[in-house]
Amino acid sequence: LNKTRVDNLKHVKNLNLWGNDLVDVSLLQQMPNVEVLSLSVNKINSLQDFGHCTKLQELYLRKNNIGDLQEVRFLKPLRHLKILWLCDNPCANASSYRPYVIWHLPQ
C-alpha cells in the first residue's frame, strides 16, 4: 500500500509490479476498481484472480508462465478490457492463440 498512495486496495486504479517474480496474485481479489495492471516479467501461471478486477481496461502480462490457453476464459467478465498483452507466455505459442483470444474476448 505504501507505493499505491491509498489506504485501501479497493481504491487502487493503476498498479505496476513488473519484474518482481510474482507467482501468487490472489491479492487482486481485493482490487475491483483497478483499471491498469502491469505485471510483465513475473512467474504468473493463472488468470483466475484477474476476473475479480471488473473495471480492468489494460492488462500487461508479457513474459509470465501462462501455459494453458483456456486461462483466457477467466477474463471473459472483464467487459472494459481493451488491451491484453500475453506475448512471450507459453500459451501464445499455440497456433490458435490469436483466434482463440478474439473469440472468447470479443470486446
PDB file of N, CA and C in Angstrom:
ATOM      1  N   LEU A   1       0.810  -1.203   0.000  1.00  0.00           N
ATOM      2  CA  LEU A   1       0.000   0.000   0.000  1.00  0.00           C
ATOM      3  C   LEU A   1       0.852   1.265   0.000  1.00  0.00           C
ATOM      4  N   ASN A   2       2.063   1.166   0.475  1.00  0.00           N
ATOM      5  CA  ASN A   2       2.928   2.352   0.507  1.00  0.00           C
ATOM      6  C   ASN A   2       3.152   2.925  -0.886  1.00  0.00           C
ATOM      7  N   LYS A   3       3.365   2.063  -1.880  1.00  0.00           N
ATOM      8  CA  LYS A   3       3.624   2.530  -3.236  1.00  0.00           C
ATOM      9  C   LYS A   3       2.364   3.060  -3.917  1.00  0.00           C
ATOM     10  N   THR A   4       1.204   2.626  -3.482  1.00  0.00           N
ATOM     11  CA  THR A   4      -0.034   2.991  -4.155  1.00  0.00           C
ATOM     12  C   THR A   4      -0.595   4.341  -3.732  1.00  0.00           C
ATOM     13  N   ARG A   5      -0.159   4.869  -2.624  1.00  0.00           N
ATOM     14  CA  ARG A   5      -0.643   6.142  -2.084  1.00  0.00           C
ATOM     15  C   ARG A   5      -2.131   6.112  -1.721  1.00  0.00           C
ATOM     16  N   VAL A   6      -2.633   4.945  -1.416  1.00  0.00           N
ATOM     17  CA  VAL A   6      -4.016   4.809  -0.957  1.00  0.00           C
ATOM     18  C   VAL A   6      -4.021   3.991   0.330  1.00  0.00           C
ATOM     19  N   ASP A   7      -5.101   4.103   1.076  1.00  0.00           N
ATOM     20  CA  ASP A   7      -5.171   3.383   2.342  1.00  0.00           C
ATOM     21  C   ASP A   7      -5.970   2.085   2.241  1.00  0.00           C
ATOM     22  N   ASN A   8      -6.521   1.807   1.052  1.00  0.00           N
ATOM     23  CA  ASN A   8      -7.340   0.622   0.868  1.00  0.00           C
ATOM     24  C   ASN A   8      -7.142   0.114  -0.558  1.00  0.00           C
ATOM     25  N   LEU A   9      -6.930  -1.178  -0.715  1.00  0.00           N
ATOM     26  CA  LEU A   9      -6.691  -1.745  -2.044  1.00  0.00           C
ATOM     27  C   LEU A   9      -7.854  -1.505  -3.009  1.00  0.00           C
ATOM     28  N   LYS A  10      -9.038  -1.303  -2.486  1.00  0.00           N
ATOM     29  CA  LYS A  10     -10.202  -1.055  -3.347  1.00  0.00           C
ATOM     30  C   LYS A  10     -10.076   0.251  -4.125  1.00  0.00           C
ATOM     31  N   HIS A  11      -9.174   1.122  -3.694  1.00  0.00           N
ATOM     32  CA  HIS A  11      -9.011   2.417  -4.348  1.00  0.00           C
ATOM     33  C   HIS A  11      -7.887   2.437  -5.389  1.00  0.00           C
ATOM     34  N   VAL A  12      -7.156   1.361  -5.504  1.00  0.00           N
ATOM     35  CA  VAL A  12      -6.049   1.301  -6.466  1.00  0.00           C
ATOM     36  C   VAL A  12      -6.610   1.273  -7.890  1.00  0.00           C
ATOM     37  N   LYS A  13      -6.096   2.163  -8.740  1.00  0.00           N
ATOM     38  CA  LYS A  13      -6.528   2.248 -10.145  1.00  0.00           C
ATOM     39  C   LYS A  13      -5.451   1.743 -11.095  1.00  0.00           C
ATOM     40  N   ASN A  14      -4.190   1.921 -10.729  1.00  0.00           N
ATOM     41  CA  ASN A  14      -3.078   1.571 -11.598  1.00  0.00           C
ATOM     42  C   ASN A  14      -1.999   0.906 -10.751  1.00  0.00           C
ATOM     43  N   LEU A  15      -1.534  -0.262 -11.187  1.00  0.00           N
ATOM     44  CA  LEU A  15      -0.528  -0.988 -10.411  1.00  0.00           C
ATOM     45  C   LEU A  15       0.531  -1.554 -11.347  1.00  0.00           C
ATOM     46  N   ASN A  16       1.778  -1.239 -11.061  1.00  0.00           N
ATOM     47  CA  ASN A  16       2.897  -1.732 -11.846  1.00  0.00           C
ATOM     48  C   ASN A  16       3.806  -2.549 -10.934  1.00  0.00           C
ATOM     49  N   LEU A  17       3.795  -3.858 -11.140  1.00  0.00           N
ATOM     50  CA  LEU A  17       4.671  -4.760 -10.390  1.00  0.00           C
ATOM     51  C   LEU A  17       5.498  -5.589 -11.365  1.00  0.00           C
ATOM     52  N   TRP A  18       5.999  -4.925 -12.370  1.00  0.00           N
ATOM     53  CA  TRP A  18       6.808  -5.527 -13.410  1.00  0.00           C
ATOM     54  C   TRP A  18       8.087  -6.099 -12.811  1.00  0.00           C
ATOM     55  N   GLY A  19       8.426  -7.329 -13.204  1.00  0.00           N
ATOM     56  CA  GLY A  19       9.709  -7.920 -12.830  1.00  0.00           C
ATOM     57  C   GLY A  19       9.915  -8.192 -11.362  1.00  0.00           C
ATOM     58  N   ASN A  20       8.912  -8.722 -10.677  1.00  0.00           N
ATOM     59  CA  ASN A  20       9.026  -8.998  -9.242  1.00  0.00           C
ATOM     60  C   ASN A  20       8.969 -10.485  -8.898  1.00  0.00           C
ATOM     61  N   ASP A  21       9.046 -11.355  -9.901  1.00  0.00           N
ATOM     62  CA  ASP A  21       8.978 -12.805  -9.698  1.00  0.00           C
ATOM     63  C   ASP A  21       7.700 -13.253  -8.989  1.00  0.00           C
ATOM     64  N   LEU A  22       6.622 -12.540  -9.216  1.00  0.00           N
ATOM     65  CA  LEU A  22       5.341 -12.882  -8.585  1.00  0.00           C
ATOM     66  C   LEU A  22       4.761 -14.162  -9.163  1.00  0.00           C
ATOM     67  N   VAL A  23       4.227 -14.994  -8.298  1.00  0.00           N
ATOM     68  CA  VAL A  23       3.502 -16.190  -8.705  1.00  0.00           C
ATOM     69  C   VAL A  23       2.047 -16.045  -8.256  1.00  0.00           C
ATOM     70  N   ASP A  24       1.867 -15.687  -7.011  1.00  0.00           N
ATOM     71  CA  ASP A  24       0.545 -15.555  -6.409  1.00  0.00           C
ATOM     72  C   ASP A  24       0.033 -14.119  -6.566  1.00  0.00           C
ATOM     73  N   VAL A  25      -1.076 -13.971  -7.270  1.00  0.00           N
ATOM     74  CA  VAL A  25      -1.680 -12.645  -7.440  1.00  0.00           C
ATOM     75  C   VAL A  25      -3.095 -12.619  -6.859  1.00  0.00           C
ATOM     76  N   SER A  26      -3.355 -13.460  -5.876  1.00  0.00           N
ATOM     77  CA  SER A  26      -4.684 -13.530  -5.260  1.00  0.00           C
ATOM     78  C   SER A  26      -5.088 -12.205  -4.616  1.00  0.00           C
ATOM     79  N   LEU A  27      -4.132 -11.344  -4.340  1.00  0.00           N
ATOM     80  CA  LEU A  27      -4.413 -10.014  -3.794  1.00  0.00           C
ATOM     81  C   LEU A  27      -5.334  -9.220  -4.726  1.00  0.00           C
ATOM     82  N   LEU A  28      -5.334  -9.563  -6.007  1.00  0.00           N
ATOM     83  CA  LEU A  28      -6.190  -8.879  -6.982  1.00  0.00           C
ATOM     84  C   LEU A  28      -7.673  -9.014  -6.648  1.00  0.00           C
ATOM     85  N   GLN A  29      -8.029 -10.023  -5.900  1.00  0.00           N
ATOM     86  CA  GLN A  29      -9.422 -10.212  -5.495  1.00  0.00           C
ATOM     87  C   GLN A  29      -9.918  -9.055  -4.644  1.00  0.00           C
ATOM     88  N   GLN A  30      -9.005  -8.297  -4.064  1.00  0.00           N
ATOM     89  CA  GLN A  30      -9.355  -7.146  -3.229  1.00  0.00           C
ATOM     90  C   GLN A  30      -9.238  -5.829  -3.992  1.00  0.00           C
ATOM     91  N   MET A  31      -9.099  -5.913  -5.326  1.00  0.00           N
ATOM     92  CA  MET A  31      -8.874  -4.714  -6.134  1.00  0.00           C
ATOM     93  C   MET A  31      -9.889  -4.607  -7.278  1.00  0.00           C
ATOM     94  N   PRO A  32     -11.170  -4.492  -6.968  1.00  0.00           N
ATOM     95  CA  PRO A  32     -12.188  -4.480  -8.022  1.00  0.00           C
ATOM     96  C   PRO A  32     -12.159  -3.241  -8.917  1.00  0.00           C
ATOM     97  N   ASN A  33     -11.509  -2.185  -8.486  1.00  0.00           N
ATOM     98  CA  ASN A  33     -11.520  -0.928  -9.242  1.00  0.00           C
ATOM     99  C   ASN A  33     -10.245  -0.662 -10.034  1.00  0.00           C
ATOM    100  N   VAL A  34      -9.311  -1.599 -10.016  1.00  0.00           N
ATOM    101  CA  VAL A  34      -8.072  -1.396 -10.764  1.00  0.00           C
ATOM    102  C   VAL A  34      -8.390  -1.346 -12.258  1.00  0.00           C
ATOM    103  N   GLU A  35      -7.758  -0.404 -12.949  1.00  0.00           N
ATOM    104  CA  GLU A  35      -8.001  -0.206 -14.386  1.00  0.00           C
ATOM    105  C   GLU A  35      -6.811  -0.617 -15.244  1.00  0.00           C
ATOM    106  N   VAL A  36      -5.599  -0.485 -14.711  1.00  0.00           N
ATOM    107  CA  VAL A  36      -4.391  -0.820 -15.460  1.00  0.00           C
ATOM    108  C   VAL A  36      -3.477  -1.669 -14.580  1.00  0.00           C
ATOM    109  N   LEU A  37      -3.107  -2.856 -15.087  1.00  0.00           N
ATOM    110  CA  LEU A  37      -2.189  -3.739 -14.373  1.00  0.00           C
ATOM    111  C   LEU A  37      -1.002  -4.054 -15.262  1.00  0.00           C
ATOM    112  N   SER A  38       0.180  -3.769 -14.767  1.00  0.00           N
ATOM    113  CA  SER A  38       1.424  -4.096 -15.463  1.00  0.00           C
ATOM    114  C   SER A  38       2.150  -5.145 -14.637  1.00  0.00           C
ATOM    115  N   LEU A  39       2.032  -6.380 -15.058  1.00  0.00           N
ATOM    116  CA  LEU A  39       2.627  -7.491 -14.316  1.00  0.00           C
ATOM    117  C   LEU A  39       3.529  -8.339 -15.210  1.00  0.00           C
ATOM    118  N   SER A  40       4.113  -7.733 -16.209  1.00  0.00           N
ATOM    119  CA  SER A  40       5.028  -8.452 -17.100  1.00  0.00           C
ATOM    120  C   SER A  40       6.285  -8.874 -16.353  1.00  0.00           C
ATOM    121  N   VAL A  41       6.947  -9.877 -16.894  1.00  0.00           N
ATOM    122  CA  VAL A  41       8.205 -10.410 -16.375  1.00  0.00           C
ATOM    123  C   VAL A  41       8.045 -10.845 -14.915  1.00  0.00           C
ATOM    124  N   ASN A  42       7.096 -11.748 -14.709  1.00  0.00           N
ATOM    125  CA  ASN A  42       6.874 -12.379 -13.423  1.00  0.00           C
ATOM    126  C   ASN A  42       6.766 -13.879 -13.656  1.00  0.00           C
ATOM    127  N   LYS A  43       6.146 -14.595 -12.748  1.00  0.00           N
ATOM    128  CA  LYS A  43       6.004 -16.054 -12.881  1.00  0.00           C
ATOM    129  C   LYS A  43       4.549 -16.474 -12.709  1.00  0.00           C
ATOM    130  N   ILE A  44       3.644 -15.635 -13.135  1.00  0.00           N
ATOM    131  CA  ILE A  44       2.208 -15.881 -13.012  1.00  0.00           C
ATOM    132  C   ILE A  44       1.812 -17.000 -13.962  1.00  0.00           C
ATOM    133  N   ASN A  45       1.048 -17.986 -13.465  1.00  0.00           N
ATOM    134  CA  ASN A  45       0.658 -19.109 -14.314  1.00  0.00           C
ATOM    135  C   ASN A  45      -0.848 -19.273 -14.467  1.00  0.00           C
ATOM    136  N   SER A  46      -1.628 -18.388 -13.873  1.00  0.00           N
ATOM    137  CA  SER A  46      -3.088 -18.468 -13.995  1.00  0.00           C
ATOM    138  C   SER A  46      -3.686 -17.071 -14.105  1.00  0.00           C
ATOM    139  N   LEU A  47      -4.794 -16.987 -14.824  1.00  0.00           N
ATOM    140  CA  LEU A  47      -5.515 -15.724 -14.978  1.00  0.00           C
ATOM    141  C   LEU A  47      -6.763 -15.668 -14.097  1.00  0.00           C
ATOM    142  N   GLN A  48      -6.963 -16.656 -13.273  1.00  0.00           N
ATOM    143  CA  GLN A  48      -8.185 -16.763 -12.480  1.00  0.00           C
ATOM    144  C   GLN A  48      -8.459 -15.538 -11.609  1.00  0.00           C
ATOM    145  N   ASP A  49      -7.472 -15.041 -10.922  1.00  0.00           N
ATOM    146  CA  ASP A  49      -7.683 -13.922  -9.999  1.00  0.00           C
ATOM    147  C   ASP A  49      -7.981 -12.605 -10.714  1.00  0.00           C
ATOM    148  N   PHE A  50      -7.640 -12.507 -11.984  1.00  0.00           N
ATOM    149  CA  PHE A  50      -7.890 -11.273 -12.731  1.00  0.00           C
ATOM    150  C   PHE A  50      -9.376 -11.054 -12.988  1.00  0.00           C
ATOM    151  N   GLY A  51     -10.168 -12.096 -12.959  1.00  0.00           N
ATOM    152  CA  GLY A  51     -11.608 -11.996 -13.188  1.00  0.00           C
ATOM    153  C   GLY A  51     -12.333 -11.145 -12.156  1.00  0.00           C
ATOM    154  N   HIS A  52     -11.705 -10.879 -11.031  1.00  0.00           N
ATOM    155  CA  HIS A  52     -12.301 -10.041  -9.981  1.00  0.00           C
ATOM    156  C   HIS A  52     -12.101  -8.551 -10.232  1.00  0.00           C
ATOM    157  N   CYS A  53     -11.266  -8.226 -11.171  1.00  0.00           N
ATOM    158  CA  CYS A  53     -10.936  -6.818 -11.472  1.00  0.00           C
ATOM    159  C   CYS A  53     -11.879  -6.308 -12.560  1.00  0.00           C
ATOM    160  N   THR A  54     -13.120  -6.092 -12.204  1.00  0.00           N
ATOM    161  CA  THR A  54     -14.174  -5.845 -13.182  1.00  0.00           C
ATOM    162  C   THR A  54     -14.049  -4.532 -13.952  1.00  0.00           C
ATOM    163  N   LYS A  55     -13.207  -3.630 -13.506  1.00  0.00           N
ATOM    164  CA  LYS A  55     -13.020  -2.357 -14.223  1.00  0.00           C
ATOM    165  C   LYS A  55     -11.715  -2.320 -15.021  1.00  0.00           C
ATOM    166  N   LEU A  56     -11.058  -3.468 -15.089  1.00  0.00           N
ATOM    167  CA  LEU A  56      -9.774  -3.549 -15.763  1.00  0.00           C
ATOM    168  C   LEU A  56      -9.900  -3.206 -17.249  1.00  0.00           C
ATOM    169  N   GLN A  57      -9.040  -2.311 -17.706  1.00  0.00           N
ATOM    170  CA  GLN A  57      -9.031  -1.873 -19.103  1.00  0.00           C
ATOM    171  C   GLN A  57      -7.765  -2.319 -19.831  1.00  0.00           C
ATOM    172  N   GLU A  58      -6.644  -2.363 -19.110  1.00  0.00           N
ATOM    173  CA  GLU A  58      -5.362  -2.720 -19.704  1.00  0.00           C
ATOM    174  C   GLU A  58      -4.665  -3.745 -18.820  1.00  0.00           C
ATOM    175  N   LEU A  59      -4.234  -4.849 -19.449  1.00  0.00           N
ATOM    176  CA  LEU A  59      -3.569  -5.919 -18.715  1.00  0.00           C
ATOM    177  C   LEU A  59      -2.306  -6.337 -19.469  1.00  0.00           C
ATOM    178  N   TYR A  60      -1.172  -6.082 -18.855  1.00  0.00           N
ATOM    179  CA  TYR A  60       0.127  -6.382 -19.444  1.00  0.00           C
ATOM    180  C   TYR A  60       0.757  -7.546 -18.692  1.00  0.00           C
ATOM    181  N   LEU A  61       0.842  -8.701 -19.347  1.00  0.00           N
ATOM    182  CA  LEU A  61       1.353  -9.916 -18.716  1.00  0.00           C
ATOM    183  C   LEU A  61       2.438 -10.591 -19.552  1.00  0.00           C
ATOM    184  N   ARG A  62       3.195  -9.824 -20.288  1.00  0.00           N
ATOM    185  CA  ARG A  62       4.252 -10.373 -21.129  1.00  0.00           C
ATOM    186  C   ARG A  62       5.290 -11.092 -20.270  1.00  0.00           C
ATOM    187  N   LYS A  63       5.815 -12.180 -20.788  1.00  0.00           N
ATOM    188  CA  LYS A  63       6.876 -12.958 -20.121  1.00  0.00           C
ATOM    189  C   LYS A  63       6.484 -13.451 -18.731  1.00  0.00           C
ATOM    190  N   ASN A  64       5.406 -14.227 -18.691  1.00  0.00           N
ATOM    191  CA  ASN A  64       4.998 -14.933 -17.486  1.00  0.00           C
ATOM    192  C   ASN A  64       4.969 -16.421 -17.812  1.00  0.00           C
ATOM    193  N   ASN A  65       4.264 -17.217 -17.030  1.00  0.00           N
ATOM    194  CA  ASN A  65       4.228 -18.675 -17.229  1.00  0.00           C
ATOM    195  C   ASN A  65       2.822 -19.183 -17.529  1.00  0.00           C
ATOM    196  N   ILE A  66       2.040 -18.420 -18.250  1.00  0.00           N
ATOM    197  CA  ILE A  66       0.674 -18.829 -18.558  1.00  0.00           C
ATOM    198  C   ILE A  66       0.741 -19.825 -19.715  1.00  0.00           C
ATOM    199  N   GLY A  67       0.525 -21.085 -19.381  1.00  0.00           N
ATOM    200  CA  GLY A  67       0.702 -22.153 -20.356  1.00  0.00           C
ATOM    201  C   GLY A  67      -0.568 -22.617 -21.026  1.00  0.00           C
ATOM    202  N   ASP A  68      -1.674 -22.563 -20.322  1.00  0.00           N
ATOM    203  CA  ASP A  68      -2.938 -23.075 -20.840  1.00  0.00           C
ATOM    204  C   ASP A  68      -3.748 -21.947 -21.459  1.00  0.00           C
ATOM    205  N   LEU A  69      -4.008 -22.041 -22.738  1.00  0.00           N
ATOM    206  CA  LEU A  69      -4.763 -21.015 -23.444  1.00  0.00           C
ATOM    207  C   LEU A  69      -6.168 -20.841 -22.877  1.00  0.00           C
ATOM    208  N   GLN A  70      -6.713 -21.882 -22.283  1.00  0.00           N
ATOM    209  CA  GLN A  70      -8.055 -21.795 -21.696  1.00  0.00           C
ATOM    210  C   GLN A  70      -8.123 -20.837 -20.512  1.00  0.00           C
ATOM    211  N   GLU A  71      -6.999 -20.449 -19.963  1.00  0.00           N
ATOM    212  CA  GLU A  71      -6.963 -19.457 -18.879  1.00  0.00           C
ATOM    213  C   GLU A  71      -7.619 -18.147 -19.319  1.00  0.00           C
ATOM    214  N   VAL A  72      -7.594 -17.863 -20.600  1.00  0.00           N
ATOM    215  CA  VAL A  72      -8.180 -16.640 -21.142  1.00  0.00           C
ATOM    216  C   VAL A  72      -9.665 -16.535 -20.771  1.00  0.00           C
ATOM    217  N   ARG A  73     -10.314 -17.647 -20.591  1.00  0.00           N
ATOM    218  CA  ARG A  73     -11.747 -17.640 -20.236  1.00  0.00           C
ATOM    219  C   ARG A  73     -12.020 -16.925 -18.910  1.00  0.00           C
ATOM    220  N   PHE A  74     -11.042 -16.890 -18.025  1.00  0.00           N
ATOM    221  CA  PHE A  74     -11.219 -16.187 -16.748  1.00  0.00           C
ATOM    222  C   PHE A  74     -11.345 -14.673 -16.952  1.00  0.00           C
ATOM    223  N   LEU A  75     -10.962 -14.186 -18.117  1.00  0.00           N
ATOM    224  CA  LEU A  75     -11.031 -12.748 -18.402  1.00  0.00           C
ATOM    225  C   LEU A  75     -12.356 -12.345 -19.045  1.00  0.00           C
ATOM    226  N   LYS A  76     -13.190 -13.282 -19.342  1.00  0.00           N
ATOM    227  CA  LYS A  76     -14.462 -13.007 -20.014  1.00  0.00           C
ATOM    228  C   LYS A  76     -15.339 -11.989 -19.283  1.00  0.00           C
ATOM    229  N   PRO A  77     -15.398 -11.981 -17.944  1.00  0.00           N
ATOM    230  CA  PRO A  77     -16.222 -10.981 -17.244  1.00  0.00           C
ATOM    231  C   PRO A  77     -15.697  -9.548 -17.350  1.00  0.00           C
ATOM    232  N   LEU A  78     -14.504  -9.372 -17.864  1.00  0.00           N
ATOM    233  CA  LEU A  78     -13.874  -8.049 -17.904  1.00  0.00           C
ATOM    234  C   LEU A  78     -14.338  -7.285 -19.146  1.00  0.00           C
ATOM    235  N   ARG A  79     -15.508  -6.726 -19.088  1.00  0.00           N
ATOM    236  CA  ARG A  79     -16.139  -6.056 -20.228  1.00  0.00           C
ATOM    237  C   ARG A  79     -15.429  -4.779 -20.673  1.00  0.00           C
ATOM    238  N   HIS A  80     -14.602  -4.202 -19.826  1.00  0.00           N
ATOM    239  CA  HIS A  80     -13.902  -2.958 -20.166  1.00  0.00           C
ATOM    240  C   HIS A  80     -12.496  -3.212 -20.717  1.00  0.00           C
ATOM    241  N   LEU A  81     -12.068  -4.470 -20.722  1.00  0.00           N
ATOM    242  CA  LEU A  81     -10.713  -4.798 -21.145  1.00  0.00           C
ATOM    243  C   LEU A  81     -10.517  -4.491 -22.632  1.00  0.00           C
ATOM    244  N   LYS A  82      -9.572  -3.621 -22.923  1.00  0.00           N
ATOM    245  CA  LYS A  82      -9.284  -3.216 -24.302  1.00  0.00           C
ATOM    246  C   LYS A  82      -7.883  -3.631 -24.738  1.00  0.00           C
ATOM    247  N   ILE A  83      -6.960  -3.741 -23.781  1.00  0.00           N
ATOM    248  CA  ILE A  83      -5.585  -4.124 -24.100  1.00  0.00           C
ATOM    249  C   ILE A  83      -5.212  -5.348 -23.269  1.00  0.00           C
ATOM    250  N   LEU A  84      -4.801  -6.392 -23.965  1.00  0.00           N
ATOM    251  CA  LEU A  84      -4.330  -7.614 -23.319  1.00  0.00           C
ATOM    252  C   LEU A  84      -3.021  -8.002 -23.986  1.00  0.00           C
ATOM    253  N   TRP A  85      -1.964  -8.077 -23.209  1.00  0.00           N
ATOM    254  CA  TRP A  85      -0.653  -8.398 -23.749  1.00  0.00           C
ATOM    255  C   TRP A  85      -0.149  -9.671 -23.083  1.00  0.00           C
ATOM    256  N   LEU A  86      -0.239 -10.777 -23.822  1.00  0.00           N
ATOM    257  CA  LEU A  86       0.180 -12.078 -23.313  1.00  0.00           C
ATOM    258  C   LEU A  86       1.378 -12.659 -24.066  1.00  0.00           C
ATOM    259  N   CYS A  87       1.983 -11.892 -24.950  1.00  0.00           N
ATOM    260  CA  CYS A  87       3.091 -12.454 -25.730  1.00  0.00           C
ATOM    261  C   CYS A  87       4.219 -12.901 -24.800  1.00  0.00           C
ATOM    262  N   ASP A  88       5.013 -13.818 -25.293  1.00  0.00           N
ATOM    263  CA  ASP A  88       6.126 -14.404 -24.535  1.00  0.00           C
ATOM    264  C   ASP A  88       5.671 -15.239 -23.345  1.00  0.00           C
ATOM    265  N   ASN A  89       4.417 -15.711 -23.398  1.00  0.00           N
ATOM    266  CA  ASN A  89       3.911 -16.718 -22.477  1.00  0.00           C
ATOM    267  C   ASN A  89       3.796 -18.013 -23.279  1.00  0.00           C
ATOM    268  N   PRO A  90       3.932 -19.168 -22.647  1.00  0.00           N
ATOM    269  CA  PRO A  90       3.798 -20.421 -23.402  1.00  0.00           C
ATOM    270  C   PRO A  90       2.482 -20.530 -24.183  1.00  0.00           C
ATOM    271  N   CYS A  91       1.397 -20.006 -23.646  1.00  0.00           N
ATOM    272  CA  CYS A  91       0.098 -20.100 -24.333  1.00  0.00           C
ATOM    273  C   CYS A  91       0.089 -19.344 -25.658  1.00  0.00           C
ATOM    274  N   ALA A  92       0.922 -18.335 -25.790  1.00  0.00           N
ATOM    275  CA  ALA A  92       0.953 -17.532 -27.014  1.00  0.00           C
ATOM    276  C   ALA A  92       1.613 -18.276 -28.171  1.00  0.00           C
ATOM    277  N   ASN A  93       2.235 -19.405 -27.898  1.00  0.00           N
ATOM    278  CA  ASN A  93       2.860 -20.205 -28.947  1.00  0.00           C
ATOM    279  C   ASN A  93       1.871 -21.116 -29.661  1.00  0.00           C
ATOM    280  N   ALA A  94       0.676 -21.267 -29.117  1.00  0.00           N
ATOM    281  CA  ALA A  94      -0.335 -22.122 -29.753  1.00  0.00           C
ATOM    282  C   ALA A  94      -0.751 -21.528 -31.094  1.00  0.00           C
ATOM    283  N   SER A  95      -0.926 -22.372 -32.080  1.00  0.00           N
ATOM    284  CA  SER A  95      -1.300 -21.887 -33.409  1.00  0.00           C
ATOM    285  C   SER A  95      -2.660 -21.192 -33.397  1.00  0.00           C
ATOM    286  N   SER A  96      -3.516 -21.564 -32.476  1.00  0.00           N
ATOM    287  CA  SER A  96      -4.862 -20.973 -32.392  1.00  0.00           C
ATOM    288  C   SER A  96      -4.933 -19.807 -31.413  1.00  0.00           C
ATOM    289  N   TYR A  97      -3.791 -19.346 -30.926  1.00  0.00           N
ATOM    290  CA  TYR A  97      -3.755 -18.315 -29.887  1.00  0.00           C
ATOM    291  C   TYR A  97      -4.603 -17.085 -30.226  1.00  0.00           C
ATOM    292  N   ARG A  98      -4.295 -16.420 -31.317  1.00  0.00           N
ATOM    293  CA  ARG A  98      -4.990 -15.182 -31.667  1.00  0.00           C
ATOM    294  C   ARG A  98      -6.491 -15.387 -31.892  1.00  0.00           C
ATOM    295  N   PRO A  99      -6.902 -16.343 -32.744  1.00  0.00           N
ATOM    296  CA  PRO A  99      -8.349 -16.536 -32.930  1.00  0.00           C
ATOM    297  C   PRO A  99      -9.068 -16.947 -31.639  1.00  0.00           C
ATOM    298  N   TYR A 100      -8.402 -17.729 -30.791  1.00  0.00           N
ATOM    299  CA  TYR A 100      -8.998 -18.164 -29.529  1.00  0.00           C
ATOM    300  C   TYR A 100      -9.284 -16.961 -28.634  1.00  0.00           C
ATOM    301  N   VAL A 101      -8.305 -16.076 -28.499  1.00  0.00           N
ATOM    302  CA  VAL A 101      -8.472 -14.892 -27.656  1.00  0.00           C
ATOM    303  C   VAL A 101      -9.567 -13.990 -28.214  1.00  0.00           C
ATOM    304  N   ILE A 102      -9.562 -13.773 -29.498  1.00  0.00           N
ATOM    305  CA  ILE A 102     -10.586 -12.913 -30.117  1.00  0.00           C
ATOM    306  C   ILE A 102     -11.972 -13.515 -29.945  1.00  0.00           C
ATOM    307  N   TRP A 103     -12.077 -14.816 -30.068  1.00  0.00           N
ATOM    308  CA  TRP A 103     -13.378 -15.493 -29.914  1.00  0.00           C
ATOM    309  C   TRP A 103     -13.914 -15.363 -28.484  1.00  0.00           C
ATOM    310  N   HIS A 104     -13.061 -15.565 -27.519  1.00  0.00           N
ATOM    311  CA  HIS A 104     -13.500 -15.558 -26.117  1.00  0.00           C
ATOM    312  C   HIS A 104     -13.558 -14.166 -25.495  1.00  0.00           C
ATOM    313  N   LEU A 105     -12.848 -13.219 -26.082  1.00  0.00           N
ATOM    314  CA  LEU A 105     -12.848 -11.843 -25.555  1.00  0.00           C
ATOM    315  C   LEU A 105     -13.151 -10.879 -26.700  1.00  0.00           C
ATOM    316  N   PRO A 106     -14.348 -10.896 -27.212  1.00  0.00           N
ATOM    317  CA  PRO A 106     -14.668 -10.110 -28.405  1.00  0.00           C
ATOM    318  C   PRO A 106     -14.708  -8.599 -28.189  1.00  0.00           C
ATOM    319  N   GLN A 107     -14.735  -8.164 -26.937  1.00  0.00           N
ATOM    320  CA  GLN A 107     -14.857  -6.737 -26.683  1.00  0.00           C
ATOM    321  C   GLN A 107     -13.713  -5.987 -27.289  1.00  0.00           C
TER     322      GLN A 107
END
